[in-house]
Amino acid sequence: MRRRTGSPAGTTRRPSRTDEVQQLIKQLILERGLAAGDPMPTELELQEQVNVSRNSLREALKALQAVGIVEIRHGFGMYVGTMSLVSLVDELTFHGRMSLQAGHNDLRHLVEIREVLESGLIRQVIAAPGAPAAELAEVMDRMEAEARAGLVTPDTDKRFHELLYEPLGNPLVIQLLAAFWDVYHALHPDLGEADESPTEIAARHRRVYDAVRAGDVEESIAAVHEHFSGIRRRLAG
């Protein structure tokens, strides 16, 4: 008979000791009013304050480090982590590569989410006070120069999108879009040849840029959808 693993159907997994210690450490951070980047108590101090064994504490700290709540700087100590979506990028990239190897292409779902987000956010960018960052014009010019030379670099492409949504003043939006961007470009080599030339890529970004500068909401949304059309075709291939 095959041995069953995991919790029986209809039951909830009981928190492990590591889970409990993680909660104690997070509660300590909140109770002390620590902010991202602030130094944390030493390992010995934590061990005494949450009253756990050294092994249990280290397992909990490793788990918290993996999700960015704790940052361990070897030789310097422990700090409260800053918000990061690195683990999300790693997981999505891994599963995206698995789906490609299995003959599927789940990456298109991620791109669909990004397109929906950007087509909605672009409306807010136009409504936001102030003009787009001056650096955005420089990045647009650089992209067109790169296109004339035969290659739009990933760094320029990514920077364009970061600056485009910067007026929203929402760092989570920037991080989330960057995470989606990172996953797509990590899997970029596995998708085959693109059917867009560098000149076409730059032209699509120029259309978005000009529409935003003009404050034209409908044109901006249409430009965003056109920008994603080449990606959609590539993923459908």
C-alpha atoms as a PDB file:
ATOM      1  CA  MET A   1       0.000   0.000   0.000  1.00  0.00           C
ATOM      2  CA  ARG A   2       1.278   3.443  -0.882  1.00  0.00           C
ATOM      3  CA  ARG A   3       2.010   5.565   2.156  1.00  0.00           C
ATOM      4  CA  ARG A   4       0.094   8.835   2.245  1.00  0.00           C
ATOM      5  CA  THR A   5       1.949  12.000   3.043  1.00  0.00           C
ATOM      6  CA  GLY A   6       0.826  15.423   4.135  1.00  0.00           C
ATOM      7  CA  SER A   7      -2.235  16.390   6.169  1.00  0.00           C
ATOM      8  CA  PRO A   8      -5.464  14.395   5.859  1.00  0.00           C
ATOM      9  CA  ALA A   9      -8.132  15.920   3.631  1.00  0.00           C
ATOM     10  CA  GLY A  10     -10.153  18.593   5.392  1.00  0.00           C
ATOM     11  CA  THR A  11      -7.520  19.282   8.057  1.00  0.00           C
ATOM     12  CA  THR A  12      -5.199  22.242   8.452  1.00  0.00           C
ATOM     13  CA  ARG A  13      -1.461  21.815   8.795  1.00  0.00           C
ATOM     14  CA  ARG A  14      -0.324  22.619  12.312  1.00  0.00           C
ATOM     15  CA  PRO A  15       2.273  25.373  12.501  1.00  0.00           C
ATOM     16  CA  SER A  16       5.781  23.995  12.874  1.00  0.00           C
ATOM     17  CA  ARG A  17       8.240  25.231  15.486  1.00  0.00           C
ATOM     18  CA  THR A  18       9.975  27.204  12.731  1.00  0.00           C
ATOM     19  CA  ASP A  19       6.663  28.892  11.840  1.00  0.00           C
ATOM     20  CA  GLU A  20       6.110  29.833  15.478  1.00  0.00           C
ATOM     21  CA  VAL A  21       9.607  31.298  15.845  1.00  0.00           C
ATOM     22  CA  GLN A  22       9.157  33.299  12.636  1.00  0.00           C
ATOM     23  CA  GLN A  23       5.987  34.825  14.078  1.00  0.00           C
ATOM     24  CA  LEU A  24       7.778  35.685  17.316  1.00  0.00           C
ATOM     25  CA  ILE A  25      10.578  37.449  15.428  1.00  0.00           C
ATOM     26  CA  LYS A  26       8.123  39.383  13.247  1.00  0.00           C
ATOM     27  CA  GLN A  27       6.178  40.411  16.346  1.00  0.00           C
ATOM     28  CA  LEU A  28       9.404  41.618  17.978  1.00  0.00           C
ATOM     29  CA  ILE A  29      10.195  43.753  14.903  1.00  0.00           C
ATOM     30  CA  LEU A  30       6.729  45.324  15.027  1.00  0.00           C
ATOM     31  CA  GLU A  31       6.737  45.870  18.797  1.00  0.00           C
ATOM     32  CA  ARG A  32      10.078  47.674  18.613  1.00  0.00           C
ATOM     33  CA  GLY A  33       8.908  49.829  15.716  1.00  0.00           C
ATOM     34  CA  LEU A  34      11.838  48.792  13.547  1.00  0.00           C
ATOM     35  CA  ALA A  35      11.846  49.952   9.929  1.00  0.00           C
ATOM     36  CA  ALA A  36      13.418  48.497   6.789  1.00  0.00           C
ATOM     37  CA  GLY A  37      17.192  48.751   7.053  1.00  0.00           C
ATOM     38  CA  ASP A  38      17.252  49.064  10.857  1.00  0.00           C
ATOM     39  CA  PRO A  39      19.668  46.789  12.736  1.00  0.00           C
ATOM     40  CA  MET A  40      18.127  43.847  14.563  1.00  0.00           C
ATOM     41  CA  PRO A  41      19.186  42.282  17.859  1.00  0.00           C
ATOM     42  CA  THR A  42      22.075  39.862  17.632  1.00  0.00           C
ATOM     43  CA  GLU A  43      21.422  36.160  17.277  1.00  0.00           C
ATOM     44  CA  LEU A  44      22.232  35.632  20.971  1.00  0.00           C
ATOM     45  CA  GLU A  45      19.873  38.431  22.023  1.00  0.00           C
ATOM     46  CA  LEU A  46      17.104  37.047  19.838  1.00  0.00           C
ATOM     47  CA  GLN A  47      17.631  33.579  21.255  1.00  0.00           C
ATOM     48  CA  GLU A  48      17.137  34.923  24.774  1.00  0.00           C
ATOM     49  CA  GLN A  49      14.221  37.214  23.921  1.00  0.00           C
ATOM     50  CA  VAL A  50      12.115  34.665  22.053  1.00  0.00           C
ATOM     51  CA  ASN A  51      13.317  31.810  24.286  1.00  0.00           C
ATOM     52  CA  VAL A  52      14.179  29.259  21.595  1.00  0.00           C
ATOM     53  CA  SER A  53      17.074  26.982  20.777  1.00  0.00           C
ATOM     54  CA  ARG A  54      19.874  28.136  18.521  1.00  0.00           C
ATOM     55  CA  ASN A  55      18.880  25.676  15.775  1.00  0.00           C
ATOM     56  CA  SER A  56      15.215  26.728  15.823  1.00  0.00           C
ATOM     57  CA  LEU A  57      16.227  30.389  15.662  1.00  0.00           C
ATOM     58  CA  ARG A  58      18.564  29.865  12.724  1.00  0.00           C
ATOM     59  CA  GLU A  59      15.967  27.904  10.764  1.00  0.00           C
ATOM     60  CA  ALA A  60      13.459  30.691  11.332  1.00  0.00           C
ATOM     61  CA  LEU A  61      15.953  33.385  10.327  1.00  0.00           C
ATOM     62  CA  LYS A  62      16.781  31.507   7.112  1.00  0.00           C
ATOM     63  CA  ALA A  63      13.086  31.328   6.260  1.00  0.00           C
ATOM     64  CA  LEU A  64      12.610  35.048   6.971  1.00  0.00           C
ATOM     65  CA  GLN A  65      15.693  35.876   4.924  1.00  0.00           C
ATOM     66  CA  ALA A  66      14.284  33.925   1.970  1.00  0.00           C
ATOM     67  CA  VAL A  67      11.192  36.154   1.873  1.00  0.00           C
ATOM     68  CA  GLY A  68      13.099  39.398   2.490  1.00  0.00           C
ATOM     69  CA  ILE A  69      11.885  40.139   6.029  1.00  0.00           C
ATOM     70  CA  VAL A  70      15.366  39.703   7.465  1.00  0.00           C
ATOM     71  CA  GLU A  71      18.620  40.640   5.765  1.00  0.00           C
ATOM     72  CA  ILE A  72      21.791  38.955   7.024  1.00  0.00           C
ATOM     73  CA  ARG A  73      24.945  40.844   6.154  1.00  0.00           C
ATOM     74  CA  HIS A  74      27.848  38.565   6.958  1.00  0.00           C
ATOM     75  CA  GLY A  75      30.380  40.360   9.106  1.00  0.00           C
ATOM     76  CA  PHE A  76      27.965  43.194   9.875  1.00  0.00           C
ATOM     77  CA  GLY A  77      24.901  41.647  11.497  1.00  0.00           C
ATOM     78  CA  MET A  78      21.194  41.323  10.854  1.00  0.00           C
ATOM     79  CA  TYR A  79      18.860  44.012   9.590  1.00  0.00           C
ATOM     80  CA  VAL A  80      15.193  44.367   8.852  1.00  0.00           C
ATOM     81  CA  GLY A  81      14.856  43.584   5.151  1.00  0.00           C
ATOM     82  CA  THR A  82      13.608  45.937   2.507  1.00  0.00           C
ATOM     83  CA  MET A  83      10.664  44.945   0.343  1.00  0.00           C
ATOM     84  CA  SER A  84      11.801  42.740  -2.519  1.00  0.00           C
ATOM     85  CA  LEU A  85      10.168  40.507  -5.113  1.00  0.00           C
ATOM     86  CA  VAL A  86      13.325  38.538  -5.876  1.00  0.00           C
ATOM     87  CA  SER A  87      11.846  35.272  -4.601  1.00  0.00           C
ATOM     88  CA  LEU A  88       8.757  35.838  -6.767  1.00  0.00           C
ATOM     89  CA  VAL A  89      10.945  36.366  -9.842  1.00  0.00           C
ATOM     90  CA  ASP A  90      12.909  33.181  -9.128  1.00  0.00           C
ATOM     91  CA  GLU A  91       9.757  31.112  -8.650  1.00  0.00           C
ATOM     92  CA  LEU A  92       7.949  32.463 -11.706  1.00  0.00           C
ATOM     93  CA  THR A  93      11.062  32.025 -13.860  1.00  0.00           C
ATOM     94  CA  PHE A  94      11.514  28.430 -12.728  1.00  0.00           C
ATOM     95  CA  HIS A  95       7.894  27.469 -13.348  1.00  0.00           C
ATOM     96  CA  GLY A  96       7.883  29.372 -16.629  1.00  0.00           C
ATOM     97  CA  ARG A  97      10.866  27.365 -17.816  1.00  0.00           C
ATOM     98  CA  MET A  98       9.205  24.133 -16.706  1.00  0.00           C
ATOM     99  CA  SER A  99       6.084  24.981 -18.699  1.00  0.00           C
ATOM    100  CA  LEU A 100       8.156  25.707 -21.807  1.00  0.00           C
ATOM    101  CA  GLN A 101       9.957  22.374 -21.498  1.00  0.00           C
ATOM    102  CA  ALA A 102       6.594  20.618 -21.165  1.00  0.00           C
ATOM    103  CA  GLY A 103       5.384  22.181 -24.398  1.00  0.00           C
ATOM    104  CA  HIS A 104       3.168  24.731 -22.695  1.00  0.00           C
ATOM    105  CA  ASN A 105       3.668  28.461 -22.452  1.00  0.00           C
ATOM    106  CA  ASP A 106       2.344  29.762 -19.166  1.00  0.00           C
ATOM    107  CA  LEU A 107       4.444  32.876 -19.672  1.00  0.00           C
ATOM    108  CA  ARG A 108       1.640  34.328 -21.769  1.00  0.00           C
ATOM    109  CA  HIS A 109      -0.527  34.487 -18.633  1.00  0.00           C
ATOM    110  CA  LEU A 110       2.084  36.620 -16.924  1.00  0.00           C
ATOM    111  CA  VAL A 111       2.329  38.919 -19.928  1.00  0.00           C
ATOM    112  CA  GLU A 112      -1.467  39.257 -20.001  1.00  0.00           C
ATOM    113  CA  ILE A 113      -1.411  40.427 -16.376  1.00  0.00           C
ATOM    114  CA  ARG A 114       1.340  42.916 -17.110  1.00  0.00           C
ATOM    115  CA  GLU A 115      -0.556  44.290 -20.117  1.00  0.00           C
ATOM    116  CA  VAL A 116      -3.735  44.736 -18.076  1.00  0.00           C
ATOM    117  CA  LEU A 117      -1.770  46.498 -15.334  1.00  0.00           C
ATOM    118  CA  GLU A 118       0.060  48.838 -17.677  1.00  0.00           C
ATOM    119  CA  SER A 119      -3.021  49.750 -19.710  1.00  0.00           C
ATOM    120  CA  GLY A 120      -4.757  50.711 -16.464  1.00  0.00           C
ATOM    121  CA  LEU A 121      -1.793  52.449 -14.881  1.00  0.00           C
ATOM    122  CA  ILE A 122      -1.099  54.591 -17.941  1.00  0.00           C
ATOM    123  CA  ARG A 123      -4.403  56.383 -17.305  1.00  0.00           C
ATOM    124  CA  GLN A 124      -3.216  57.224 -13.787  1.00  0.00           C
ATOM    125  CA  VAL A 125       0.133  58.442 -15.088  1.00  0.00           C
ATOM    126  CA  ILE A 126      -1.610  61.017 -17.262  1.00  0.00           C
ATOM    127  CA  ALA A 127      -3.790  62.110 -14.334  1.00  0.00           C
ATOM    128  CA  ALA A 128      -0.793  62.390 -11.990  1.00  0.00           C
ATOM    129  CA  PRO A 129       0.472  65.927 -11.275  1.00  0.00           C
ATOM    130  CA  GLY A 130       3.624  66.984 -13.082  1.00  0.00           C
ATOM    131  CA  ALA A 131       5.224  65.860 -16.314  1.00  0.00           C
ATOM    132  CA  PRO A 132       7.043  62.554 -16.872  1.00  0.00           C
ATOM    133  CA  ALA A 133      10.594  62.488 -15.552  1.00  0.00           C
ATOM    134  CA  ALA A 134      13.075  64.435 -17.682  1.00  0.00           C
ATOM    135  CA  GLU A 135      15.230  61.308 -17.786  1.00  0.00           C
ATOM    136  CA  LEU A 136      12.445  59.531 -19.686  1.00  0.00           C
ATOM    137  CA  ALA A 137      13.101  61.727 -22.730  1.00  0.00           C
ATOM    138  CA  GLU A 138      16.795  60.847 -22.529  1.00  0.00           C
ATOM    139  CA  VAL A 139      16.017  57.135 -22.312  1.00  0.00           C
ATOM    140  CA  MET A 140      13.645  57.413 -25.289  1.00  0.00           C
ATOM    141  CA  ASP A 141      16.379  59.087 -27.332  1.00  0.00           C
ATOM    142  CA  ARG A 142      18.871  56.422 -26.264  1.00  0.00           C
ATOM    143  CA  MET A 143      16.478  53.644 -27.268  1.00  0.00           C
ATOM    144  CA  GLU A 144      16.073  55.120 -30.740  1.00  0.00           C
ATOM    145  CA  ALA A 145      19.837  55.494 -31.068  1.00  0.00           C
ATOM    146  CA  GLU A 146      20.265  51.850 -30.055  1.00  0.00           C
ATOM    147  CA  ALA A 147      17.595  50.820 -32.566  1.00  0.00           C
ATOM    148  CA  ARG A 148      19.482  52.595 -35.352  1.00  0.00           C
ATOM    149  CA  ALA A 149      22.593  50.677 -34.265  1.00  0.00           C
ATOM    150  CA  GLY A 150      20.657  47.398 -34.490  1.00  0.00           C
ATOM    151  CA  LEU A 151      19.815  46.448 -30.881  1.00  0.00           C
ATOM    152  CA  VAL A 152      17.612  47.885 -28.139  1.00  0.00           C
ATOM    153  CA  THR A 153      19.285  46.809 -24.909  1.00  0.00           C
ATOM    154  CA  PRO A 154      17.253  45.230 -22.093  1.00  0.00           C
ATOM    155  CA  ASP A 155      18.503  47.852 -19.615  1.00  0.00           C
ATOM    156  CA  THR A 156      17.168  50.703 -21.730  1.00  0.00           C
ATOM    157  CA  ASP A 157      13.830  48.961 -22.234  1.00  0.00           C
ATOM    158  CA  LYS A 158      13.438  48.293 -18.512  1.00  0.00           C
ATOM    159  CA  ARG A 159      14.462  51.823 -17.537  1.00  0.00           C
ATOM    160  CA  PHE A 160      11.843  53.282 -19.883  1.00  0.00           C
ATOM    161  CA  HIS A 161       9.046  51.455 -18.076  1.00  0.00           C
ATOM    162  CA  GLU A 162      10.399  52.338 -14.629  1.00  0.00           C
ATOM    163  CA  LEU A 163      10.478  56.039 -15.453  1.00  0.00           C
ATOM    164  CA  LEU A 164       7.120  55.948 -17.222  1.00  0.00           C
ATOM    165  CA  TYR A 165       5.320  54.933 -14.021  1.00  0.00           C
ATOM    166  CA  GLU A 166       7.534  56.851 -11.602  1.00  0.00           C
ATOM    167  CA  PRO A 167       5.060  59.801 -11.369  1.00  0.00           C
ATOM    168  CA  LEU A 168       2.611  57.493  -9.574  1.00  0.00           C
ATOM    169  CA  GLY A 169       4.881  57.535  -6.531  1.00  0.00           C
ATOM    170  CA  ASN A 170       4.123  53.861  -5.888  1.00  0.00           C
ATOM    171  CA  PRO A 171       7.315  51.818  -5.422  1.00  0.00           C
ATOM    172  CA  LEU A 172       5.368  48.546  -5.295  1.00  0.00           C
ATOM    173  CA  VAL A 173       4.022  49.169  -8.802  1.00  0.00           C
ATOM    174  CA  ILE A 174       7.576  49.698 -10.056  1.00  0.00           C
ATOM    175  CA  GLN A 175       8.812  46.549  -8.324  1.00  0.00           C
ATOM    176  CA  LEU A 176       5.913  44.419  -9.532  1.00  0.00           C
ATOM    177  CA  LEU A 177       6.246  45.507 -13.158  1.00  0.00           C
ATOM    178  CA  ALA A 178      10.017  45.048 -12.935  1.00  0.00           C
ATOM    179  CA  ALA A 179       9.478  41.523 -11.586  1.00  0.00           C
ATOM    180  CA  PHE A 180       7.265  40.633 -14.547  1.00  0.00           C
ATOM    181  CA  TRP A 181       9.806  42.219 -16.893  1.00  0.00           C
ATOM    182  CA  ASP A 182      12.679  40.233 -15.304  1.00  0.00           C
ATOM    183  CA  VAL A 183      10.830  36.931 -15.680  1.00  0.00           C
ATOM    184  CA  TYR A 184      10.046  37.554 -19.341  1.00  0.00           C
ATOM    185  CA  HIS A 185      13.621  38.520 -20.178  1.00  0.00           C
ATOM    186  CA  ALA A 186      15.083  35.614 -18.204  1.00  0.00           C
ATOM    187  CA  LEU A 187      13.061  33.294 -20.461  1.00  0.00           C
ATOM    188  CA  HIS A 188      13.644  35.441 -23.553  1.00  0.00           C
ATOM    189  CA  PRO A 189      16.285  33.096 -25.086  1.00  0.00           C
ATOM    190  CA  ASP A 190      13.884  30.123 -24.880  1.00  0.00           C
ATOM    191  CA  LEU A 191      11.166  31.797 -26.958  1.00  0.00           C
ATOM    192  CA  GLY A 192      12.793  31.729 -30.377  1.00  0.00           C
ATOM    193  CA  GLU A 193      13.399  34.624 -32.706  1.00  0.00           C
ATOM    194  CA  ALA A 194      11.409  37.824 -32.259  1.00  0.00           C
ATOM    195  CA  ASP A 195       9.479  39.082 -35.279  1.00  0.00           C
ATOM    196  CA  GLU A 196       9.981  42.747 -34.309  1.00  0.00           C
ATOM    197  CA  SER A 197      12.929  44.763 -35.499  1.00  0.00           C
ATOM    198  CA  PRO A 198      14.724  47.121 -33.089  1.00  0.00           C
ATOM    199  CA  THR A 199      13.252  50.018 -35.068  1.00  0.00           C
ATOM    200  CA  GLU A 200       9.702  48.694 -34.525  1.00  0.00           C
ATOM    201  CA  ILE A 201      10.364  48.219 -30.805  1.00  0.00           C
ATOM    202  CA  ALA A 202      11.577  51.808 -30.459  1.00  0.00           C
ATOM    203  CA  ALA A 203       8.646  53.103 -32.513  1.00  0.00           C
ATOM    204  CA  ARG A 204       6.140  51.410 -30.198  1.00  0.00           C
ATOM    205  CA  HIS A 205       7.798  52.954 -27.157  1.00  0.00           C
ATOM    206  CA  ARG A 206       7.848  56.338 -28.917  1.00  0.00           C
ATOM    207  CA  ARG A 207       4.093  56.100 -29.491  1.00  0.00           C
ATOM    208  CA  VAL A 208       3.525  55.477 -25.769  1.00  0.00           C
ATOM    209  CA  TYR A 209       5.860  58.309 -24.823  1.00  0.00           C
ATOM    210  CA  ASP A 210       4.283  60.847 -27.201  1.00  0.00           C
ATOM    211  CA  ALA A 211       0.747  59.957 -26.113  1.00  0.00           C
ATOM    212  CA  VAL A 212       1.610  60.383 -22.436  1.00  0.00           C
ATOM    213  CA  ARG A 213       3.340  63.688 -23.118  1.00  0.00           C
ATOM    214  CA  ALA A 214       0.246  64.869 -24.972  1.00  0.00           C
ATOM    215  CA  GLY A 215      -2.048  63.749 -22.152  1.00  0.00           C
ATOM    216  CA  ASP A 216      -4.101  61.638 -24.562  1.00  0.00           C
ATOM    217  CA  VAL A 217      -5.623  58.850 -22.474  1.00  0.00           C
ATOM    218  CA  GLU A 218      -7.201  56.810 -25.273  1.00  0.00           C
ATOM    219  CA  GLU A 219      -4.113  57.016 -27.471  1.00  0.00           C
ATOM    220  CA  SER A 220      -1.915  56.050 -24.517  1.00  0.00           C
ATOM    221  CA  ILE A 221      -3.977  52.939 -23.814  1.00  0.00           C
ATOM    222  CA  ALA A 222      -3.987  51.991 -27.502  1.00  0.00           C
ATOM    223  CA  ALA A 223      -0.224  52.514 -27.625  1.00  0.00           C
ATOM    224  CA  VAL A 224       0.302  50.226 -24.635  1.00  0.00           C
ATOM    225  CA  HIS A 225      -1.743  47.464 -26.271  1.00  0.00           C
ATOM    226  CA  GLU A 226       0.217  47.890 -29.508  1.00  0.00           C
ATOM    227  CA  HIS A 227       3.453  47.697 -27.518  1.00  0.00           C
ATOM    228  CA  PHE A 228       2.421  44.265 -26.246  1.00  0.00           C
ATOM    229  CA  SER A 229       1.234  43.006 -29.630  1.00  0.00           C
ATOM    230  CA  GLY A 230       4.705  41.860 -30.670  1.00  0.00           C
ATOM    231  CA  ILE A 231       5.182  39.994 -27.393  1.00  0.00           C
ATOM    232  CA  ARG A 232       1.808  38.305 -27.781  1.00  0.00           C
ATOM    233  CA  ARG A 233       2.681  37.128 -31.281  1.00  0.00           C
ATOM    234  CA  ARG A 234       5.986  35.748 -30.098  1.00  0.00           C
ATOM    235  CA  LEU A 235       4.357  33.819 -27.258  1.00  0.00           C
ATOM    236  CA  ALA A 236       1.679  32.467 -29.573  1.00  0.00           C
ATOM    237  CA  GLY A 237       4.273  31.090 -31.955  1.00  0.00           C
END
